[in-house]
Amino acid sequence: DDYNWHPKENSDACSNWISAKRMKWREVNDWMGKQNRYAI
């Protein structure tokens, strides 16, 4: 969550980060608002 972040320099910094071998995404435009989607 920081555009200047890099794992070799900032892995212990105060940024939120996640690393993985695979990554994919999708639009979920109807998932707006306060309602929890993962704890239905």
PDB file of all heavy atoms in Angstrom:
ATOM      1  N   ASP A   1       0.806  -1.222   0.000  1.00  0.00           N
ATOM      2  CA  ASP A   1       0.000   0.000   0.000  1.00  0.00           C
ATOM      3  C   ASP A   1       0.838   1.271   0.000  1.00  0.00           C
ATOM      4  O   ASP A   1       0.397   2.326   0.437  1.00  0.00           O
ATOM      5  CB  ASP A   1      -0.997  -0.006   1.159  1.00  0.00           C
ATOM      6  CG  ASP A   1      -0.347   0.019   2.527  1.00  0.00           C
ATOM      7  OD1 ASP A   1       0.900   0.002   2.610  1.00  0.00           O
ATOM      8  OD2 ASP A   1      -1.080   0.041   3.523  1.00  0.00           O
ATOM      9  N   ASP A   2       2.051   1.190  -0.534  1.00  0.00           N
ATOM     10  CA  ASP A   2       2.945   2.339  -0.665  1.00  0.00           C
ATOM     11  C   ASP A   2       3.681   2.174  -1.989  1.00  0.00           C
ATOM     12  O   ASP A   2       4.412   1.204  -2.186  1.00  0.00           O
ATOM     13  CB  ASP A   2       3.927   2.371   0.495  1.00  0.00           C
ATOM     14  CG  ASP A   2       4.949   3.489   0.397  1.00  0.00           C
ATOM     15  OD1 ASP A   2       4.988   4.215  -0.627  1.00  0.00           O
ATOM     16  OD2 ASP A   2       5.734   3.644   1.350  1.00  0.00           O
ATOM     17  N   TYR A   3       3.494   3.119  -2.890  1.00  0.00           N
ATOM     18  CA  TYR A   3       4.065   3.018  -4.226  1.00  0.00           C
ATOM     19  C   TYR A   3       5.592   2.932  -4.207  1.00  0.00           C
ATOM     20  O   TYR A   3       6.205   2.383  -5.108  1.00  0.00           O
ATOM     21  CB  TYR A   3       3.616   4.203  -5.099  1.00  0.00           C
ATOM     22  CG  TYR A   3       4.021   4.036  -6.537  1.00  0.00           C
ATOM     23  CD1 TYR A   3       3.306   3.201  -7.387  1.00  0.00           C
ATOM     24  CD2 TYR A   3       5.137   4.696  -7.041  1.00  0.00           C
ATOM     25  CE1 TYR A   3       3.685   3.023  -8.710  1.00  0.00           C
ATOM     26  CE2 TYR A   3       5.528   4.536  -8.361  1.00  0.00           C
ATOM     27  CZ  TYR A   3       4.804   3.694  -9.188  1.00  0.00           C
ATOM     28  OH  TYR A   3       5.184   3.504 -10.486  1.00  0.00           O
ATOM     29  N   ASN A   4       6.242   3.450  -3.180  1.00  0.00           N
ATOM     30  CA  ASN A   4       7.703   3.439  -3.089  1.00  0.00           C
ATOM     31  C   ASN A   4       8.251   2.214  -2.359  1.00  0.00           C
ATOM     32  O   ASN A   4       9.457   2.107  -2.156  1.00  0.00           O
ATOM     33  CB  ASN A   4       8.191   4.715  -2.396  1.00  0.00           C
ATOM     34  CG  ASN A   4       7.857   5.934  -3.223  1.00  0.00           C
ATOM     35  OD1 ASN A   4       8.137   5.976  -4.413  1.00  0.00           O
ATOM     36  ND2 ASN A   4       7.214   6.910  -2.602  1.00  0.00           N
ATOM     37  N   TRP A   5       7.382   1.305  -1.973  1.00  0.00           N
ATOM     38  CA  TRP A   5       7.790   0.107  -1.225  1.00  0.00           C
ATOM     39  C   TRP A   5       8.518  -0.866  -2.136  1.00  0.00           C
ATOM     40  O   TRP A   5       8.185  -1.015  -3.315  1.00  0.00           O
ATOM     41  CB  TRP A   5       6.536  -0.549  -0.627  1.00  0.00           C
ATOM     42  CG  TRP A   5       6.798  -1.720   0.239  1.00  0.00           C
ATOM     43  CD1 TRP A   5       6.997  -1.713   1.595  1.00  0.00           C
ATOM     44  CD2 TRP A   5       6.873  -3.095  -0.155  1.00  0.00           C
ATOM     45  NE1 TRP A   5       7.187  -2.991   2.052  1.00  0.00           N
ATOM     46  CE2 TRP A   5       7.117  -3.854   0.988  1.00  0.00           C
ATOM     47  CE3 TRP A   5       6.767  -3.749  -1.380  1.00  0.00           C
ATOM     48  CZ2 TRP A   5       7.251  -5.238   0.970  1.00  0.00           C
ATOM     49  CZ3 TRP A   5       6.898  -5.134  -1.415  1.00  0.00           C
ATOM     50  CH2 TRP A   5       7.141  -5.865  -0.243  1.00  0.00           C
ATOM     51  N   HIS A   6       9.508  -1.567  -1.597  1.00  0.00           N
ATOM     52  CA  HIS A   6      10.194  -2.652  -2.307  1.00  0.00           C
ATOM     53  C   HIS A   6      10.582  -3.714  -1.276  1.00  0.00           C
ATOM     54  O   HIS A   6      11.057  -3.377  -0.191  1.00  0.00           O
ATOM     55  CB  HIS A   6      11.436  -2.137  -3.040  1.00  0.00           C
ATOM     56  CG  HIS A   6      11.966  -3.130  -4.012  1.00  0.00           C
ATOM     57  ND1 HIS A   6      12.792  -4.163  -3.645  1.00  0.00           N
ATOM     58  CD2 HIS A   6      11.765  -3.268  -5.342  1.00  0.00           C
ATOM     59  CE1 HIS A   6      13.092  -4.896  -4.696  1.00  0.00           C
ATOM     60  NE2 HIS A   6      12.467  -4.372  -5.749  1.00  0.00           N
ATOM     61  N   PRO A   7      10.382  -4.996  -1.600  1.00  0.00           N
ATOM     62  CA  PRO A   7      10.607  -6.043  -0.599  1.00  0.00           C
ATOM     63  C   PRO A   7      12.041  -6.130  -0.097  1.00  0.00           C
ATOM     64  O   PRO A   7      12.264  -6.507   1.058  1.00  0.00           O
ATOM     65  CB  PRO A   7      10.203  -7.328  -1.316  1.00  0.00           C
ATOM     66  CG  PRO A   7      10.277  -7.014  -2.766  1.00  0.00           C
ATOM     67  CD  PRO A   7       9.946  -5.550  -2.875  1.00  0.00           C
ATOM     68  N   LYS A   8      13.005  -5.773  -0.901  1.00  0.00           N
ATOM     69  CA  LYS A   8      14.405  -5.878  -0.475  1.00  0.00           C
ATOM     70  C   LYS A   8      14.839  -4.704   0.390  1.00  0.00           C
ATOM     71  O   LYS A   8      15.874  -4.757   1.020  1.00  0.00           O
ATOM     72  CB  LYS A   8      15.317  -6.029  -1.687  1.00  0.00           C
ATOM     73  CG  LYS A   8      15.051  -7.340  -2.407  1.00  0.00           C
ATOM     74  CD  LYS A   8      16.000  -7.582  -3.530  1.00  0.00           C
ATOM     75  CE  LYS A   8      15.650  -8.930  -4.142  1.00  0.00           C
ATOM     76  NZ  LYS A   8      16.564  -9.352  -5.165  1.00  0.00           N
ATOM     77  N   GLU A   9      14.030  -3.645   0.410  1.00  0.00           N
ATOM     78  CA  GLU A   9      14.399  -2.457   1.172  1.00  0.00           C
ATOM     79  C   GLU A   9      13.435  -2.151   2.311  1.00  0.00           C
ATOM     80  O   GLU A   9      13.822  -1.553   3.299  1.00  0.00           O
ATOM     81  CB  GLU A   9      14.449  -1.243   0.239  1.00  0.00           C
ATOM     82  CG  GLU A   9      15.438  -1.396  -0.882  1.00  0.00           C
ATOM     83  CD  GLU A   9      15.234  -0.373  -1.983  1.00  0.00           C
ATOM     84  OE1 GLU A   9      14.439   0.566  -1.797  1.00  0.00           O
ATOM     85  OE2 GLU A   9      15.864  -0.540  -3.049  1.00  0.00           O
ATOM     86  N   ASN A  10      12.162  -2.522   2.160  1.00  0.00           N
ATOM     87  CA  ASN A  10      11.141  -2.055   3.101  1.00  0.00           C
ATOM     88  C   ASN A  10      10.299  -3.164   3.722  1.00  0.00           C
ATOM     89  O   ASN A  10       9.219  -2.881   4.216  1.00  0.00           O
ATOM     90  CB  ASN A  10      10.170  -1.107   2.382  1.00  0.00           C
ATOM     91  CG  ASN A  10      10.869   0.012   1.659  1.00  0.00           C
ATOM     92  OD1 ASN A  10      11.010  -0.034   0.453  1.00  0.00           O
ATOM     93  ND2 ASN A  10      11.326   1.005   2.395  1.00  0.00           N
ATOM     94  N   SER A  11      10.734  -4.396   3.717  1.00  0.00           N
ATOM     95  CA  SER A  11       9.845  -5.466   4.181  1.00  0.00           C
ATOM     96  C   SER A  11       9.465  -5.319   5.651  1.00  0.00           C
ATOM     97  O   SER A  11       8.447  -5.838   6.079  1.00  0.00           O
ATOM     98  CB  SER A  11      10.462  -6.841   3.922  1.00  0.00           C
ATOM     99  OG  SER A  11      11.667  -6.984   4.659  1.00  0.00           O
ATOM    100  N   ASP A  12      10.265  -4.617   6.439  1.00  0.00           N
ATOM    101  CA  ASP A  12       9.935  -4.412   7.850  1.00  0.00           C
ATOM    102  C   ASP A  12       9.321  -3.048   8.112  1.00  0.00           C
ATOM    103  O   ASP A  12       9.058  -2.684   9.240  1.00  0.00           O
ATOM    104  CB  ASP A  12      11.187  -4.580   8.720  1.00  0.00           C
ATOM    105  CG  ASP A  12      11.697  -6.003   8.714  1.00  0.00           C
ATOM    106  OD1 ASP A  12      10.869  -6.922   8.513  1.00  0.00           O
ATOM    107  OD2 ASP A  12      12.904  -6.203   8.902  1.00  0.00           O
ATOM    108  N   ALA A  13       9.093  -2.264   7.053  1.00  0.00           N
ATOM    109  CA  ALA A  13       8.533  -0.920   7.208  1.00  0.00           C
ATOM    110  C   ALA A  13       7.076  -0.991   7.665  1.00  0.00           C
ATOM    111  O   ALA A  13       6.498  -2.064   7.787  1.00  0.00           O
ATOM    112  CB  ALA A  13       8.643  -0.161   5.886  1.00  0.00           C
ATOM    113  N   CYS A  14       6.481   0.141   7.844  1.00  0.00           N
ATOM    114  CA  CYS A  14       5.108   0.228   8.353  1.00  0.00           C
ATOM    115  C   CYS A  14       4.059   0.090   7.257  1.00  0.00           C
ATOM    116  O   CYS A  14       2.933   0.519   7.437  1.00  0.00           O
ATOM    117  CB  CYS A  14       4.924   1.541   9.100  1.00  0.00           C
ATOM    118  SG  CYS A  14       5.929   1.634  10.582  1.00  0.00           S
ATOM    119  N   SER A  15       4.416  -0.487   6.138  1.00  0.00           N
ATOM    120  CA  SER A  15       3.462  -0.688   5.043  1.00  0.00           C
ATOM    121  C   SER A  15       2.762  -2.034   5.191  1.00  0.00           C
ATOM    122  O   SER A  15       3.308  -2.980   5.750  1.00  0.00           O
ATOM    123  CB  SER A  15       4.198  -0.663   3.700  1.00  0.00           C
ATOM    124  OG  SER A  15       4.804   0.575   3.479  1.00  0.00           O
ATOM    125  N   ASN A  16       1.553  -2.081   4.649  1.00  0.00           N
ATOM    126  CA  ASN A  16       0.863  -3.355   4.511  1.00  0.00           C
ATOM    127  C   ASN A  16       1.340  -3.981   3.211  1.00  0.00           C
ATOM    128  O   ASN A  16       1.449  -3.295   2.191  1.00  0.00           O
ATOM    129  CB  ASN A  16      -0.649  -3.146   4.453  1.00  0.00           C
ATOM    130  CG  ASN A  16      -1.185  -2.616   5.760  1.00  0.00           C
ATOM    131  OD1 ASN A  16      -0.910  -3.145   6.824  1.00  0.00           O
ATOM    132  ND2 ASN A  16      -1.940  -1.537   5.680  1.00  0.00           N
ATOM    133  N   TRP A  17       1.633  -5.283   3.228  1.00  0.00           N
ATOM    134  CA  TRP A  17       2.076  -5.947   2.012  1.00  0.00           C
ATOM    135  C   TRP A  17       1.735  -7.444   2.084  1.00  0.00           C
ATOM    136  O   TRP A  17       1.501  -7.988   3.157  1.00  0.00           O
ATOM    137  CB  TRP A  17       3.562  -5.728   1.755  1.00  0.00           C
ATOM    138  CG  TRP A  17       4.476  -6.240   2.835  1.00  0.00           C
ATOM    139  CD1 TRP A  17       4.940  -5.533   3.910  1.00  0.00           C
ATOM    140  CD2 TRP A  17       5.025  -7.558   2.953  1.00  0.00           C
ATOM    141  NE1 TRP A  17       5.736  -6.334   4.686  1.00  0.00           N
ATOM    142  CE2 TRP A  17       5.814  -7.586   4.117  1.00  0.00           C
ATOM    143  CE3 TRP A  17       4.922  -8.713   2.190  1.00  0.00           C
ATOM    144  CZ2 TRP A  17       6.507  -8.718   4.533  1.00  0.00           C
ATOM    145  CZ3 TRP A  17       5.608  -9.858   2.602  1.00  0.00           C
ATOM    146  CH2 TRP A  17       6.396  -9.850   3.762  1.00  0.00           C
ATOM    147  N   ILE A  18       1.713  -8.050   0.915  1.00  0.00           N
ATOM    148  CA  ILE A  18       1.480  -9.485   0.805  1.00  0.00           C
ATOM    149  C   ILE A  18       2.275  -9.985  -0.388  1.00  0.00           C
ATOM    150  O   ILE A  18       2.413  -9.276  -1.395  1.00  0.00           O
ATOM    151  CB  ILE A  18      -0.024  -9.812   0.677  1.00  0.00           C
ATOM    152  CG1 ILE A  18      -0.243 -11.317   0.683  1.00  0.00           C
ATOM    153  CG2 ILE A  18      -0.642  -9.145  -0.521  1.00  0.00           C
ATOM    154  CD1 ILE A  18      -1.692 -11.724   0.921  1.00  0.00           C
ATOM    155  N   SER A  19       2.830 -11.181  -0.270  1.00  0.00           N
ATOM    156  CA  SER A  19       3.569 -11.781  -1.380  1.00  0.00           C
ATOM    157  C   SER A  19       3.049 -13.196  -1.609  1.00  0.00           C
ATOM    158  O   SER A  19       2.662 -13.894  -0.668  1.00  0.00           O
ATOM    159  CB  SER A  19       5.070 -11.799  -1.098  1.00  0.00           C
ATOM    160  OG  SER A  19       5.364 -12.578   0.046  1.00  0.00           O
ATOM    161  N   ALA A  20       3.048 -13.590  -2.873  1.00  0.00           N
ATOM    162  CA  ALA A  20       2.518 -14.901  -3.239  1.00  0.00           C
ATOM    163  C   ALA A  20       3.118 -15.347  -4.562  1.00  0.00           C
ATOM    164  O   ALA A  20       3.598 -14.530  -5.354  1.00  0.00           O
ATOM    165  CB  ALA A  20       0.997 -14.847  -3.349  1.00  0.00           C
ATOM    166  N   LYS A  21       3.055 -16.636  -4.804  1.00  0.00           N
ATOM    167  CA  LYS A  21       3.554 -17.197  -6.066  1.00  0.00           C
ATOM    168  C   LYS A  21       2.594 -16.933  -7.220  1.00  0.00           C
ATOM    169  O   LYS A  21       3.012 -16.826  -8.360  1.00  0.00           O
ATOM    170  CB  LYS A  21       3.786 -18.708  -5.929  1.00  0.00           C
ATOM    171  CG  LYS A  21       4.830 -19.072  -4.910  1.00  0.00           C
ATOM    172  CD  LYS A  21       6.191 -18.612  -5.358  1.00  0.00           C
ATOM    173  CE  LYS A  21       7.269 -19.024  -4.372  1.00  0.00           C
ATOM    174  NZ  LYS A  21       8.573 -18.508  -4.755  1.00  0.00           N
ATOM    175  N   ARG A  22       1.304 -16.847  -6.909  1.00  0.00           N
ATOM    176  CA  ARG A  22       0.302 -16.603  -7.953  1.00  0.00           C
ATOM    177  C   ARG A  22      -0.640 -15.507  -7.492  1.00  0.00           C
ATOM    178  O   ARG A  22      -0.939 -15.387  -6.305  1.00  0.00           O
ATOM    179  CB  ARG A  22      -0.488 -17.879  -8.251  1.00  0.00           C
ATOM    180  CG  ARG A  22       0.387 -18.964  -8.867  1.00  0.00           C
ATOM    181  CD  ARG A  22      -0.363 -20.221  -9.207  1.00  0.00           C
ATOM    182  NE  ARG A  22      -1.477 -19.913 -10.101  1.00  0.00           N
ATOM    183  CZ  ARG A  22      -2.536 -20.683 -10.253  1.00  0.00           C
ATOM    184  NH1 ARG A  22      -2.661 -21.795  -9.575  1.00  0.00           N
ATOM    185  NH2 ARG A  22      -3.497 -20.337 -11.082  1.00  0.00           N
ATOM    186  N   MET A  23      -1.157 -14.751  -8.476  1.00  0.00           N
ATOM    187  CA  MET A  23      -2.040 -13.629  -8.158  1.00  0.00           C
ATOM    188  C   MET A  23      -3.050 -13.475  -9.281  1.00  0.00           C
ATOM    189  O   MET A  23      -2.698 -13.570 -10.452  1.00  0.00           O
ATOM    190  CB  MET A  23      -1.172 -12.371  -8.034  1.00  0.00           C
ATOM    191  CG  MET A  23      -1.882 -11.128  -7.649  1.00  0.00           C
ATOM    192  SD  MET A  23      -0.649  -9.793  -7.500  1.00  0.00           S
ATOM    193  CE  MET A  23      -1.753  -8.433  -7.286  1.00  0.00           C
ATOM    194  N   LYS A  24      -4.308 -13.269  -8.905  1.00  0.00           N
ATOM    195  CA  LYS A  24      -5.347 -12.991  -9.891  1.00  0.00           C
ATOM    196  C   LYS A  24      -6.353 -12.034  -9.279  1.00  0.00           C
ATOM    197  O   LYS A  24      -6.400 -11.870  -8.060  1.00  0.00           O
ATOM    198  CB  LYS A  24      -6.009 -14.266 -10.401  1.00  0.00           C
ATOM    199  CG  LYS A  24      -6.516 -15.210  -9.348  1.00  0.00           C
ATOM    200  CD  LYS A  24      -7.153 -16.472  -9.909  1.00  0.00           C
ATOM    201  CE  LYS A  24      -6.124 -17.518 -10.245  1.00  0.00           C
ATOM    202  NZ  LYS A  24      -6.712 -18.847 -10.471  1.00  0.00           N
ATOM    203  N   TRP A  25      -7.158 -11.406 -10.134  1.00  0.00           N
ATOM    204  CA  TRP A  25      -8.112 -10.402  -9.649  1.00  0.00           C
ATOM    205  C   TRP A  25      -9.373 -10.438 -10.490  1.00  0.00           C
ATOM    206  O   TRP A  25      -9.398 -10.999 -11.577  1.00  0.00           O
ATOM    207  CB  TRP A  25      -7.480  -9.013  -9.678  1.00  0.00           C
ATOM    208  CG  TRP A  25      -7.234  -8.489 -11.060  1.00  0.00           C
ATOM    209  CD1 TRP A  25      -6.192  -8.788 -11.890  1.00  0.00           C
ATOM    210  CD2 TRP A  25      -8.061  -7.576 -11.792  1.00  0.00           C
ATOM    211  NE1 TRP A  25      -6.314  -8.124 -13.076  1.00  0.00           N
ATOM    212  CE2 TRP A  25      -7.452  -7.367 -13.049  1.00  0.00           C
ATOM    213  CE3 TRP A  25      -9.256  -6.925 -11.504  1.00  0.00           C
ATOM    214  CZ2 TRP A  25      -8.000  -6.528 -14.016  1.00  0.00           C
ATOM    215  CZ3 TRP A  25      -9.790  -6.087 -12.472  1.00  0.00           C
ATOM    216  CH2 TRP A  25      -9.167  -5.899 -13.699  1.00  0.00           C
ATOM    217  N   ARG A  26     -10.419  -9.802  -9.930  1.00  0.00           N
ATOM    218  CA  ARG A  26     -11.677  -9.645 -10.657  1.00  0.00           C
ATOM    219  C   ARG A  26     -12.418  -8.432 -10.114  1.00  0.00           C
ATOM    220  O   ARG A  26     -12.239  -8.039  -8.954  1.00  0.00           O
ATOM    221  CB  ARG A  26     -12.539 -10.890 -10.556  1.00  0.00           C
ATOM    222  CG  ARG A  26     -13.018 -11.209  -9.152  1.00  0.00           C
ATOM    223  CD  ARG A  26     -13.820 -12.477  -9.149  1.00  0.00           C
ATOM    224  NE  ARG A  26     -14.237 -12.819  -7.795  1.00  0.00           N
ATOM    225  CZ  ARG A  26     -15.014 -13.832  -7.501  1.00  0.00           C
ATOM    226  NH1 ARG A  26     -15.465 -14.612  -8.466  1.00  0.00           N
ATOM    227  NH2 ARG A  26     -15.355 -14.079  -6.271  1.00  0.00           N
ATOM    228  N   GLU A  27     -13.242  -7.852 -10.976  1.00  0.00           N
ATOM    229  CA  GLU A  27     -14.098  -6.751 -10.554  1.00  0.00           C
ATOM    230  C   GLU A  27     -15.271  -7.301  -9.765  1.00  0.00           C
ATOM    231  O   GLU A  27     -15.846  -8.331 -10.127  1.00  0.00           O
ATOM    232  CB  GLU A  27     -14.630  -5.983 -11.764  1.00  0.00           C
ATOM    233  CG  GLU A  27     -13.583  -5.183 -12.483  1.00  0.00           C
ATOM    234  CD  GLU A  27     -14.159  -4.340 -13.614  1.00  0.00           C
ATOM    235  OE1 GLU A  27     -15.366  -4.001 -13.577  1.00  0.00           O
ATOM    236  OE2 GLU A  27     -13.390  -4.036 -14.530  1.00  0.00           O
ATOM    237  N   VAL A  28     -15.633  -6.612  -8.688  1.00  0.00           N
ATOM    238  CA  VAL A  28     -16.802  -6.955  -7.875  1.00  0.00           C
ATOM    239  C   VAL A  28     -17.517  -5.658  -7.499  1.00  0.00           C
ATOM    240  O   VAL A  28     -17.699  -5.351  -6.327  1.00  0.00           O
ATOM    241  CB  VAL A  28     -16.420  -7.807  -6.629  1.00  0.00           C
ATOM    242  CG1 VAL A  28     -16.014  -9.217  -7.023  1.00  0.00           C
ATOM    243  CG2 VAL A  28     -15.304  -7.147  -5.817  1.00  0.00           C
ATOM    244  N   ASN A  29     -17.911  -4.913  -8.503  1.00  0.00           N
ATOM    245  CA  ASN A  29     -18.473  -3.578  -8.291  1.00  0.00           C
ATOM    246  C   ASN A  29     -19.719  -3.554  -7.416  1.00  0.00           C
ATOM    247  O   ASN A  29     -20.026  -2.533  -6.820  1.00  0.00           O
ATOM    248  CB  ASN A  29     -18.755  -2.920  -9.639  1.00  0.00           C
ATOM    249  CG  ASN A  29     -17.486  -2.581 -10.363  1.00  0.00           C
ATOM    250  OD1 ASN A  29     -16.554  -2.051  -9.780  1.00  0.00           O
ATOM    251  ND2 ASN A  29     -17.424  -2.909 -11.640  1.00  0.00           N
ATOM    252  N   ASP A  30     -20.420  -4.655  -7.321  1.00  0.00           N
ATOM    253  CA  ASP A  30     -21.614  -4.689  -6.471  1.00  0.00           C
ATOM    254  C   ASP A  30     -21.261  -5.011  -5.014  1.00  0.00           C
ATOM    255  O   ASP A  30     -22.150  -5.144  -4.185  1.00  0.00           O
ATOM    256  CB  ASP A  30     -22.652  -5.670  -7.032  1.00  0.00           C
ATOM    257  CG  ASP A  30     -22.113  -7.074  -7.222  1.00  0.00           C
ATOM    258  OD1 ASP A  30     -20.883  -7.236  -7.362  1.00  0.00           O
ATOM    259  OD2 ASP A  30     -22.925  -8.015  -7.231  1.00  0.00           O
ATOM    260  N   TRP A  31     -19.993  -5.089  -4.678  1.00  0.00           N
ATOM    261  CA  TRP A  31     -19.551  -5.362  -3.316  1.00  0.00           C
ATOM    262  C   TRP A  31     -19.141  -4.073  -2.603  1.00  0.00           C
ATOM    263  O   TRP A  31     -18.168  -4.029  -1.873  1.00  0.00           O
ATOM    264  CB  TRP A  31     -18.390  -6.340  -3.308  1.00  0.00           C
ATOM    265  CG  TRP A  31     -18.772  -7.757  -3.610  1.00  0.00           C
ATOM    266  CD1 TRP A  31     -19.940  -8.196  -4.145  1.00  0.00           C
ATOM    267  CD2 TRP A  31     -17.968  -8.910  -3.405  1.00  0.00           C
ATOM    268  NE1 TRP A  31     -19.912  -9.555  -4.294  1.00  0.00           N
ATOM    269  CE2 TRP A  31     -18.714 -10.027  -3.839  1.00  0.00           C
ATOM    270  CE3 TRP A  31     -16.697  -9.119  -2.903  1.00  0.00           C
ATOM    271  CZ2 TRP A  31     -18.225 -11.324  -3.783  1.00  0.00           C
ATOM    272  CZ3 TRP A  31     -16.207 -10.402  -2.842  1.00  0.00           C
ATOM    273  CH2 TRP A  31     -16.961 -11.491  -3.275  1.00  0.00           C
ATOM    274  N   MET A  32     -19.905  -3.024  -2.781  1.00  0.00           N
ATOM    275  CA  MET A  32     -19.625  -1.757  -2.111  1.00  0.00           C
ATOM    276  C   MET A  32     -20.393  -1.716  -0.787  1.00  0.00           C
ATOM    277  O   MET A  32     -21.336  -2.466  -0.579  1.00  0.00           O
ATOM    278  CB  MET A  32     -20.029  -0.591  -3.001  1.00  0.00           C
ATOM    279  CG  MET A  32     -19.238  -0.507  -4.296  1.00  0.00           C
ATOM    280  SD  MET A  32     -17.481  -0.261  -4.028  1.00  0.00           S
ATOM    281  CE  MET A  32     -17.451   1.446  -3.493  1.00  0.00           C
ATOM    282  N   GLY A  33     -19.964  -0.823   0.081  1.00  0.00           N
ATOM    283  CA  GLY A  33     -20.674  -0.625   1.338  1.00  0.00           C
ATOM    284  C   GLY A  33     -20.055  -1.378   2.501  1.00  0.00           C
ATOM    285  O   GLY A  33     -18.990  -1.969   2.398  1.00  0.00           O
ATOM    286  N   LYS A  34     -20.791  -1.357   3.595  1.00  0.00           N
ATOM    287  CA  LYS A  34     -20.321  -1.866   4.874  1.00  0.00           C
ATOM    288  C   LYS A  34     -20.455  -3.388   5.003  1.00  0.00           C
ATOM    289  O   LYS A  34     -19.764  -4.011   5.811  1.00  0.00           O
ATOM    290  CB  LYS A  34     -21.119  -1.177   5.979  1.00  0.00           C
ATOM    291  CG  LYS A  34     -20.688  -1.497   7.370  1.00  0.00           C
ATOM    292  CD  LYS A  34     -21.521  -0.722   8.377  1.00  0.00           C
ATOM    293  CE  LYS A  34     -21.168  -1.139   9.787  1.00  0.00           C
ATOM    294  NZ  LYS A  34     -21.962  -0.423  10.775  1.00  0.00           N
ATOM    295  N   GLN A  35     -21.334  -3.985   4.238  1.00  0.00           N
ATOM    296  CA  GLN A  35     -21.624  -5.420   4.387  1.00  0.00           C
ATOM    297  C   GLN A  35     -20.368  -6.267   4.205  1.00  0.00           C
ATOM    298  O   GLN A  35     -19.590  -6.060   3.284  1.00  0.00           O
ATOM    299  CB  GLN A  35     -22.665  -5.852   3.359  1.00  0.00           C
ATOM    300  CG  GLN A  35     -22.980  -7.333   3.416  1.00  0.00           C
ATOM    301  CD  GLN A  35     -23.965  -7.756   2.334  1.00  0.00           C
ATOM    302  OE1 GLN A  35     -24.536  -6.931   1.644  1.00  0.00           O
ATOM    303  NE2 GLN A  35     -24.157  -9.041   2.197  1.00  0.00           N
ATOM    304  N   ASN A  36     -20.193  -7.228   5.116  1.00  0.00           N
ATOM    305  CA  ASN A  36     -19.091  -8.179   4.983  1.00  0.00           C
ATOM    306  C   ASN A  36     -19.432  -9.197   3.915  1.00  0.00           C
ATOM    307  O   ASN A  36     -20.545  -9.714   3.870  1.00  0.00           O
ATOM    308  CB  ASN A  36     -18.832  -8.890   6.312  1.00  0.00           C
ATOM    309  CG  ASN A  36     -18.220  -7.973   7.340  1.00  0.00           C
ATOM    310  OD1 ASN A  36     -17.419  -7.113   7.009  1.00  0.00           O
ATOM    311  ND2 ASN A  36     -18.603  -8.147   8.576  1.00  0.00           N
ATOM    312  N   ARG A  37     -18.483  -9.500   3.057  1.00  0.00           N
ATOM    313  CA  ARG A  37     -18.678 -10.457   1.972  1.00  0.00           C
ATOM    314  C   ARG A  37     -18.091 -11.812   2.299  1.00  0.00           C
ATOM    315  O   ARG A  37     -18.556 -12.826   1.811  1.00  0.00           O
ATOM    316  CB  ARG A  37     -18.031  -9.928   0.690  1.00  0.00           C
ATOM    317  CG  ARG A  37     -18.569  -8.579   0.262  1.00  0.00           C
ATOM    318  CD  ARG A  37     -20.040  -8.657  -0.036  1.00  0.00           C
ATOM    319  NE  ARG A  37     -20.581  -7.324  -0.275  1.00  0.00           N
ATOM    320  CZ  ARG A  37     -21.723  -7.118  -0.875  1.00  0.00           C
ATOM    321  NH1 ARG A  37     -22.471  -8.116  -1.275  1.00  0.00           N
ATOM    322  NH2 ARG A  37     -22.173  -5.897  -1.038  1.00  0.00           N
ATOM    323  N   TYR A  38     -17.052 -11.864   3.125  1.00  0.00           N
ATOM    324  CA  TYR A  38     -16.413 -13.139   3.430  1.00  0.00           C
ATOM    325  C   TYR A  38     -17.004 -13.803   4.667  1.00  0.00           C
ATOM    326  O   TYR A  38     -16.856 -15.001   4.844  1.00  0.00           O
ATOM    327  CB  TYR A  38     -14.911 -12.941   3.614  1.00  0.00           C
ATOM    328  CG  TYR A  38     -14.229 -12.406   2.372  1.00  0.00           C
ATOM    329  CD1 TYR A  38     -13.198 -11.485   2.483  1.00  0.00           C
ATOM    330  CD2 TYR A  38     -14.591 -12.817   1.108  1.00  0.00           C
ATOM    331  CE1 TYR A  38     -12.555 -10.983   1.351  1.00  0.00           C
ATOM    332  CE2 TYR A  38     -13.970 -12.329  -0.031  1.00  0.00           C
ATOM    333  CZ  TYR A  38     -12.949 -11.424   0.096  1.00  0.00           C
ATOM    334  OH  TYR A  38     -12.317 -10.941  -1.015  1.00  0.00           O
ATOM    335  N   ALA A  39     -17.672 -13.069   5.514  1.00  0.00           N
ATOM    336  CA  ALA A  39     -18.293 -13.630   6.711  1.00  0.00           C
ATOM    337  C   ALA A  39     -19.801 -13.492   6.576  1.00  0.00           C
ATOM    338  O   ALA A  39     -20.469 -12.888   7.385  1.00  0.00           O
ATOM    339  CB  ALA A  39     -17.801 -12.910   7.952  1.00  0.00           C
ATOM    340  N   ILE A  40     -20.333 -14.058   5.502  1.00  0.00           N
ATOM    341  CA  ILE A  40     -21.765 -13.923   5.221  1.00  0.00           C
ATOM    342  C   ILE A  40     -22.587 -14.530   6.349  1.00  0.00           C
ATOM    343  O   ILE A  40     -22.307 -15.617   6.821  1.00  0.00           O
ATOM    344  CB  ILE A  40     -22.097 -14.584   3.870  1.00  0.00           C
ATOM    345  CG1 ILE A  40     -21.386 -13.815   2.770  1.00  0.00           C
ATOM    346  CG2 ILE A  40     -23.585 -14.633   3.642  1.00  0.00           C
ATOM    347  CD1 ILE A  40     -21.553 -14.358   1.387  1.00  0.00           C
TER     348      ILE A  40
END
